[in-house]
Amino acid sequence: MGYASPPVSAVLQGQIHYSLMTNDSDPHGSQNPVGLIAGQGRLPLLVAQGMKSAGVRIVCVGLRDQFDADLPGVCDEFSRAGIARPGRWIRLLKKGGVTQAVMVGGVKKSRMHDPLRLIRHLPDWRAVRLWYNHLRHDRRNAAVLAAIADELARNGITIIDSTTYIPDHLAGEGEMTHTQPSSQQQADIDFAWSLLTQAVELGIGQSMAVRERDVIAVEAVEGTEAMIKRAGELCKAKGWTLLKTAAADHDMRADVPSVGVETIAQMKEAGAGCLALGTGRVILIDKPQVIEAAEKAGIAIVGTDT
């Protein structure tokens, strides 16, 4: 969500959201092709559309069984590759003339903890080497991203900020909806925001549910959707608040937290009434549609500065 395409370690741990982009020092003005390694969900499609609007040539590697079916039609060059086949990503990107890239999109976490994952994903020698040399003892997102970034850099490809081409989809400051948080919801934001920031700094999770200064649920490996459902089951009263952000020093090249129209629908069903997001640190996938859905659901969306 949160989430480079993962080699064995990422396949084993499965916590990163992939984001690679390519061009020179000026990503918007370069004539060089831009690389896109695309995982699951709509976010890679939004990034590709942003690249297209910026006038860059898109060389995309779609992770097999993950990417959106509409993505190939937006890209200038499109190829498929396995989740644990970084060697193939590199060959395809270099063939397309890529020197910088964005990795973006998720991989189902259930797949990451599949006991047969090594057989299913058939890692190549690069993935095995990364796993053995760097990731056996540290499978955190930051370690996975650093290992992948180093491997790509050794082959002349630099990972850049995954939000470079989608700045309009980032959470803004203050109220983003006409629906405003109640005094109780604002008090819950004021109370819980420091707790959430401590949790994300510790790598525990990126979301928290709160009502009347009681922490109802904290996100862990289950993901935001499952946490929202659990919070709704634990708190039968309506109007609780969902908070979501990333750490202050979060590496924006990958695993940027995101919410979408589906998040709003899940919140409505679970009885939530307010969504507080870290300003500039959370992506609203299809931001106008997310805001419209929140207005219809009577859910306030607020940007908070960490």
Protein backbone atom coordinates (compact mmCIF):
# COMPACT_ATOMS: atom_id res chain seq x y z
CA MET A 1 0.00 0.00 0.00
CA GLY A 2 2.63 1.64 2.22
CA TYR A 3 5.32 -0.63 -0.47
CA ALA A 4 10.89 -1.64 -5.51
CA SER A 5 9.76 -4.98 -6.73
CA PRO A 6 10.86 -7.39 -4.09
CA PRO A 7 13.57 -9.95 -4.56
CA VAL A 8 13.47 -13.04 -2.40
CA SER A 9 13.56 -10.96 0.76
CA ALA A 10 10.64 -8.82 -0.24
CA VAL A 11 8.83 -11.90 -1.41
CA LEU A 12 9.54 -13.46 1.96
CA GLN A 13 8.66 -10.43 4.00
CA GLY A 14 6.32 -8.64 1.63
CA GLN A 15 6.05 -5.22 3.09
CA ILE A 16 7.12 -2.88 0.38
CA HIS A 17 5.18 -0.98 -2.20
CA TYR A 18 7.30 -0.71 -5.36
CA SER A 19 8.26 2.58 -6.99
CA LEU A 20 10.95 3.19 -9.70
CA MET A 21 11.15 6.03 -12.22
CA THR A 22 13.74 7.00 -14.79
CA ASN A 23 15.24 10.11 -16.28
CA ASP A 24 18.08 12.56 -15.60
CA SER A 25 18.37 15.19 -12.87
CA ASP A 26 15.24 16.93 -14.11
CA PRO A 27 12.57 14.19 -14.17
CA HIS A 28 9.97 16.39 -15.86
CA GLY A 29 12.14 17.86 -18.61
CA SER A 30 14.29 14.93 -19.65
CA GLN A 31 14.07 13.36 -23.08
CA ASN A 32 15.38 10.10 -21.66
CA PRO A 33 12.99 7.21 -21.13
CA VAL A 34 11.54 6.71 -17.66
CA GLY A 35 11.42 3.25 -16.12
CA LEU A 36 8.40 1.98 -14.24
CA ILE A 37 8.37 -1.28 -12.29
CA ALA A 38 4.69 -1.87 -11.62
CA GLY A 39 3.07 -3.96 -8.94
CA GLN A 40 -0.55 -4.33 -7.95
CA GLY A 41 -3.35 -1.79 -7.87
CA ARG A 42 -4.27 1.43 -9.63
CA LEU A 43 -1.33 3.49 -8.40
CA PRO A 44 1.10 2.35 -11.14
CA LEU A 45 -1.50 3.41 -13.71
CA LEU A 46 -1.75 6.88 -12.16
CA VAL A 47 2.04 7.18 -12.16
CA ALA A 48 2.20 6.12 -15.82
CA GLN A 49 -0.47 8.69 -16.71
CA GLY A 50 1.53 11.35 -14.85
CA MET A 51 4.65 10.36 -16.78
CA LYS A 52 2.74 10.53 -20.03
CA SER A 53 1.46 14.02 -19.17
CA ALA A 54 5.04 15.07 -18.43
CA GLY A 55 6.03 13.99 -21.93
CA VAL A 56 8.48 11.25 -21.01
CA ARG A 57 8.82 7.89 -22.71
CA ILE A 58 7.64 5.06 -20.42
CA VAL A 59 9.52 1.76 -20.32
CA CYS A 60 7.48 -0.43 -17.99
CA VAL A 61 8.16 -3.79 -16.38
CA GLY A 62 4.91 -5.22 -15.00
CA LEU A 63 5.22 -7.74 -12.18
CA ARG A 64 3.56 -10.91 -13.39
CA ASP A 65 0.01 -11.52 -12.06
CA GLN A 66 0.07 -8.14 -10.27
CA PHE A 67 -0.23 -5.17 -12.67
CA ASP A 68 -3.44 -3.48 -13.83
CA ALA A 69 -4.75 -4.75 -17.16
CA ASP A 70 -4.99 -1.17 -18.49
CA LEU A 71 -1.33 -0.38 -17.79
CA PRO A 72 0.26 -1.77 -20.99
CA GLY A 73 -1.89 0.55 -23.12
CA VAL A 74 -0.47 3.65 -21.40
CA CYS A 75 3.20 2.68 -21.72
CA ASP A 76 5.48 3.08 -24.73
CA GLU A 77 7.23 -0.22 -23.98
CA PHE A 78 5.81 -2.95 -21.76
CA SER A 79 7.23 -6.28 -20.58
CA ARG A 80 6.37 -8.79 -17.86
CA ALA A 81 8.73 -10.15 -15.24
CA GLY A 82 8.48 -12.28 -12.12
CA ILE A 83 8.41 -10.75 -8.65
CA ALA A 84 11.75 -12.33 -7.71
CA ARG A 85 13.51 -11.79 -11.05
CA PRO A 86 15.42 -8.50 -10.63
CA GLY A 87 17.91 -9.64 -13.26
CA ARG A 88 15.17 -9.55 -15.87
CA TRP A 89 13.96 -6.11 -14.67
CA ILE A 90 17.47 -4.78 -15.17
CA ARG A 91 17.89 -6.30 -18.63
CA LEU A 92 14.54 -4.94 -19.81
CA LEU A 93 15.11 -1.45 -18.42
CA LYS A 94 18.64 -1.22 -19.81
CA LYS A 95 17.43 -2.42 -23.19
CA GLY A 96 14.95 0.49 -23.12
CA GLY A 97 17.70 3.00 -22.34
CA VAL A 98 16.57 3.63 -18.76
CA THR A 99 18.92 5.25 -16.23
CA GLN A 100 16.35 6.20 -13.56
CA ALA A 101 13.17 4.44 -12.56
CA VAL A 102 10.14 4.40 -10.24
CA MET A 103 8.94 1.24 -8.51
CA VAL A 104 5.33 1.45 -7.41
CA GLY A 105 2.39 -0.80 -6.63
CA GLY A 106 1.82 -3.55 -4.09
CA VAL A 107 2.29 -7.28 -3.86
CA LYS A 108 -0.27 -9.30 -1.94
CA LYS A 109 1.10 -9.83 1.55
CA SER A 110 -0.58 -13.23 1.71
CA ARG A 111 1.77 -14.30 -1.06
CA MET A 112 4.75 -13.11 0.91
CA HIS A 113 4.01 -15.56 3.72
CA ASP A 114 3.11 -18.46 1.43
CA PRO A 115 5.22 -21.46 2.57
CA LEU A 116 5.77 -22.34 -1.12
CA ARG A 117 6.77 -18.81 -2.11
CA LEU A 118 10.31 -19.76 -3.19
CA ILE A 119 8.98 -22.39 -5.58
CA ARG A 120 6.13 -20.24 -6.88
CA HIS A 121 8.31 -17.19 -7.60
CA LEU A 122 11.45 -18.99 -8.86
CA PRO A 123 13.99 -16.35 -7.78
CA ASP A 124 16.89 -15.64 -10.12
CA TRP A 125 20.54 -15.56 -9.06
CA ARG A 126 20.44 -11.83 -8.31
CA ALA A 127 17.53 -12.33 -5.90
CA VAL A 128 19.30 -15.25 -4.23
CA ARG A 129 22.49 -13.20 -3.88
CA LEU A 130 20.61 -10.23 -2.41
CA TRP A 131 18.89 -12.54 0.01
CA TYR A 132 22.07 -14.29 1.11
CA ASN A 133 24.34 -11.23 1.31
CA HIS A 134 21.98 -8.60 2.67
CA LEU A 135 18.52 -9.72 3.70
CA ARG A 136 18.71 -12.96 5.66
CA HIS A 137 18.86 -11.10 8.96
CA ASP A 138 17.08 -7.84 8.11
CA ARG A 139 13.90 -7.96 6.02
CA ARG A 140 12.55 -4.54 6.93
CA ASN A 141 11.24 -2.38 4.11
CA ALA A 142 14.20 0.00 4.34
CA ALA A 143 16.69 -2.85 4.10
CA VAL A 144 14.88 -4.42 1.15
CA LEU A 145 14.71 -1.11 -0.71
CA ALA A 146 18.37 -0.31 -0.03
CA ALA A 147 19.48 -3.71 -1.30
CA ILE A 148 17.40 -3.41 -4.46
CA ALA A 149 18.44 0.20 -5.04
CA ASP A 150 22.11 -0.76 -4.69
CA GLU A 151 21.72 -3.66 -7.12
CA LEU A 152 20.03 -1.45 -9.70
CA ALA A 153 22.56 1.34 -9.16
CA ARG A 154 25.41 -1.08 -9.83
CA ASN A 155 23.77 -1.61 -13.19
CA GLY A 156 23.29 2.08 -13.99
CA ILE A 157 19.65 2.51 -12.86
CA THR A 158 18.70 4.95 -10.08
CA ILE A 159 15.46 4.71 -8.09
CA ILE A 160 13.76 8.08 -7.55
CA ASP A 161 10.84 9.35 -5.44
CA SER A 162 7.75 7.39 -6.38
CA THR A 163 5.52 10.49 -6.04
CA THR A 164 7.49 12.57 -8.57
CA TYR A 165 4.78 12.37 -11.24
CA ILE A 166 1.71 12.42 -8.98
CA PRO A 167 2.07 15.47 -6.68
CA ASP A 168 -1.62 16.34 -7.09
CA HIS A 169 -2.58 13.03 -5.48
CA LEU A 170 -0.73 13.63 -2.20
CA ALA A 171 -2.57 14.60 0.99
CA GLY A 172 -2.75 18.39 1.44
CA GLU A 173 -2.79 20.44 4.63
CA GLY A 174 -6.04 20.96 6.57
CA GLU A 175 -9.56 19.97 5.55
CA MET A 176 -9.74 18.39 2.09
CA THR A 177 -13.51 17.85 2.27
CA HIS A 178 -16.38 20.23 2.94
CA THR A 179 -17.36 17.77 5.65
CA GLN A 180 -15.36 18.82 8.69
CA PRO A 181 -14.29 16.73 11.67
CA SER A 182 -16.39 17.06 14.80
CA SER A 183 -14.84 18.54 17.91
CA GLN A 184 -14.45 15.01 19.29
CA GLN A 185 -12.78 13.76 16.12
CA GLN A 186 -10.38 16.71 16.12
CA ALA A 187 -9.58 16.00 19.76
CA ASP A 188 -8.87 12.38 18.85
CA ILE A 189 -6.50 13.52 16.08
CA ASP A 190 -4.69 15.85 18.48
CA PHE A 191 -4.45 13.07 21.06
CA ALA A 192 -3.43 10.17 18.82
CA TRP A 193 -1.21 11.75 16.18
CA SER A 194 1.90 11.62 18.36
CA LEU A 195 1.11 7.98 19.20
CA LEU A 196 0.84 7.12 15.52
CA THR A 197 4.07 8.88 14.64
CA GLN A 198 5.86 6.91 17.36
CA ALA A 199 4.37 3.68 15.99
CA VAL A 200 5.51 4.40 12.43
CA GLU A 201 8.98 5.39 13.64
CA LEU A 202 9.19 1.97 15.34
CA GLY A 203 8.05 0.25 12.14
CA ILE A 204 4.91 -1.15 13.74
CA GLY A 205 2.32 0.11 11.25
CA GLN A 206 1.09 3.14 9.34
CA SER A 207 -2.51 3.37 10.57
CA MET A 208 -4.42 3.67 13.84
CA ALA A 209 -8.12 3.80 14.79
CA VAL A 210 -9.20 6.05 17.69
CA ARG A 211 -12.45 7.07 19.41
CA GLU A 212 -12.80 9.30 22.47
CA ARG A 213 -9.06 9.03 23.12
CA ASP A 214 -9.14 5.25 23.14
CA VAL A 215 -6.89 3.48 20.63
CA ILE A 216 -9.16 0.87 19.06
CA ALA A 217 -6.74 -0.77 16.67
CA VAL A 218 -3.21 -0.42 15.29
CA GLU A 219 -2.26 -1.67 11.85
CA ALA A 220 0.38 -4.38 11.53
CA VAL A 221 1.02 -6.91 8.77
CA GLU A 222 -2.70 -7.41 8.10
CA GLY A 223 -2.94 -4.09 6.22
CA THR A 224 -5.29 -1.13 6.50
CA GLU A 225 -8.37 -2.85 5.10
CA ALA A 226 -8.30 -5.64 7.67
CA MET A 227 -7.55 -3.15 10.44
CA ILE A 228 -10.57 -1.02 9.48
CA LYS A 229 -12.81 -4.08 9.58
CA ARG A 230 -11.41 -5.08 12.97
CA ALA A 231 -11.90 -1.57 14.35
CA GLY A 232 -15.52 -1.60 13.21
CA GLU A 233 -16.09 -4.90 14.97
CA LEU A 234 -14.45 -3.69 18.18
CA CYS A 235 -16.15 -0.27 18.22
CA LYS A 236 -19.89 -0.42 17.61
CA ALA A 237 -20.29 3.34 18.11
CA LYS A 238 -20.17 5.41 14.93
CA GLY A 239 -17.82 8.25 14.11
CA TRP A 240 -14.39 6.92 15.07
CA THR A 241 -11.27 8.34 13.40
CA LEU A 242 -8.71 6.62 11.18
CA LEU A 243 -5.20 8.09 11.14
CA LYS A 244 -2.56 7.19 8.55
CA THR A 245 0.94 8.48 7.81
CA ALA A 246 4.57 7.58 7.17
CA ALA A 247 7.65 8.23 9.29
CA ALA A 248 9.28 11.65 9.04
CA ASP A 249 12.37 10.11 7.42
CA HIS A 250 10.39 7.67 5.29
CA ASP A 251 12.10 6.82 2.01
CA MET A 252 9.62 8.07 -0.58
CA ARG A 253 11.12 5.89 -3.29
CA ALA A 254 8.92 3.01 -2.21
CA ASP A 255 6.11 1.87 0.10
CA VAL A 256 4.33 5.24 0.26
CA PRO A 257 1.08 4.84 2.26
CA SER A 258 -2.07 5.26 0.20
CA VAL A 259 -5.86 5.37 0.48
CA GLY A 260 -8.49 5.05 -2.22
CA VAL A 261 -12.21 5.04 -2.88
CA GLU A 262 -12.30 1.49 -1.50
CA THR A 263 -10.85 2.79 1.77
CA ILE A 264 -13.73 5.24 2.11
CA ALA A 265 -16.27 2.49 1.43
CA GLN A 266 -14.64 0.27 4.04
CA MET A 267 -14.61 3.11 6.57
CA LYS A 268 -18.30 3.85 6.00
CA GLU A 269 -19.22 0.20 6.48
CA ALA A 270 -17.14 0.03 9.67
CA GLY A 271 -18.67 3.19 11.14
CA ALA A 272 -15.70 5.57 10.80
CA GLY A 273 -16.38 9.28 10.43
CA CYS A 274 -13.00 10.94 9.92
CA LEU A 275 -9.75 10.24 8.06
CA ALA A 276 -6.56 12.06 9.12
CA LEU A 277 -3.59 11.79 6.74
CA GLY A 278 0.03 12.91 6.95
CA THR A 279 0.44 15.98 4.74
CA GLY A 280 2.59 15.14 1.72
CA ARG A 281 3.18 11.63 3.08
CA VAL A 282 0.06 9.74 1.95
CA ILE A 283 -1.23 9.23 -1.58
CA LEU A 284 -4.95 9.58 -2.33
CA ILE A 285 -5.39 7.27 -5.31
CA ASP A 286 -7.61 9.23 -7.72
CA LYS A 287 -7.80 12.12 -5.24
CA PRO A 288 -10.92 13.86 -6.69
CA GLN A 289 -12.86 10.60 -6.58
CA VAL A 290 -11.70 9.85 -3.03
CA ILE A 291 -12.85 13.27 -1.84
CA GLU A 292 -16.19 12.91 -3.65
CA ALA A 293 -16.75 9.48 -2.11
CA ALA A 294 -15.94 10.86 1.35
CA GLU A 295 -18.42 13.73 0.92
CA LYS A 296 -21.17 11.28 -0.04
CA ALA A 297 -20.32 9.07 2.93
CA GLY A 298 -20.22 12.01 5.37
CA ILE A 299 -16.56 11.30 6.19
CA ALA A 300 -14.16 14.19 6.83
CA ILE A 301 -10.65 14.05 5.36
CA VAL A 302 -7.99 16.13 7.10
CA GLY A 303 -4.32 16.64 6.28
CA THR A 304 -2.07 16.82 9.35
CA ASP A 305 1.53 17.99 9.43
CA THR A 306 3.71 15.43 11.19
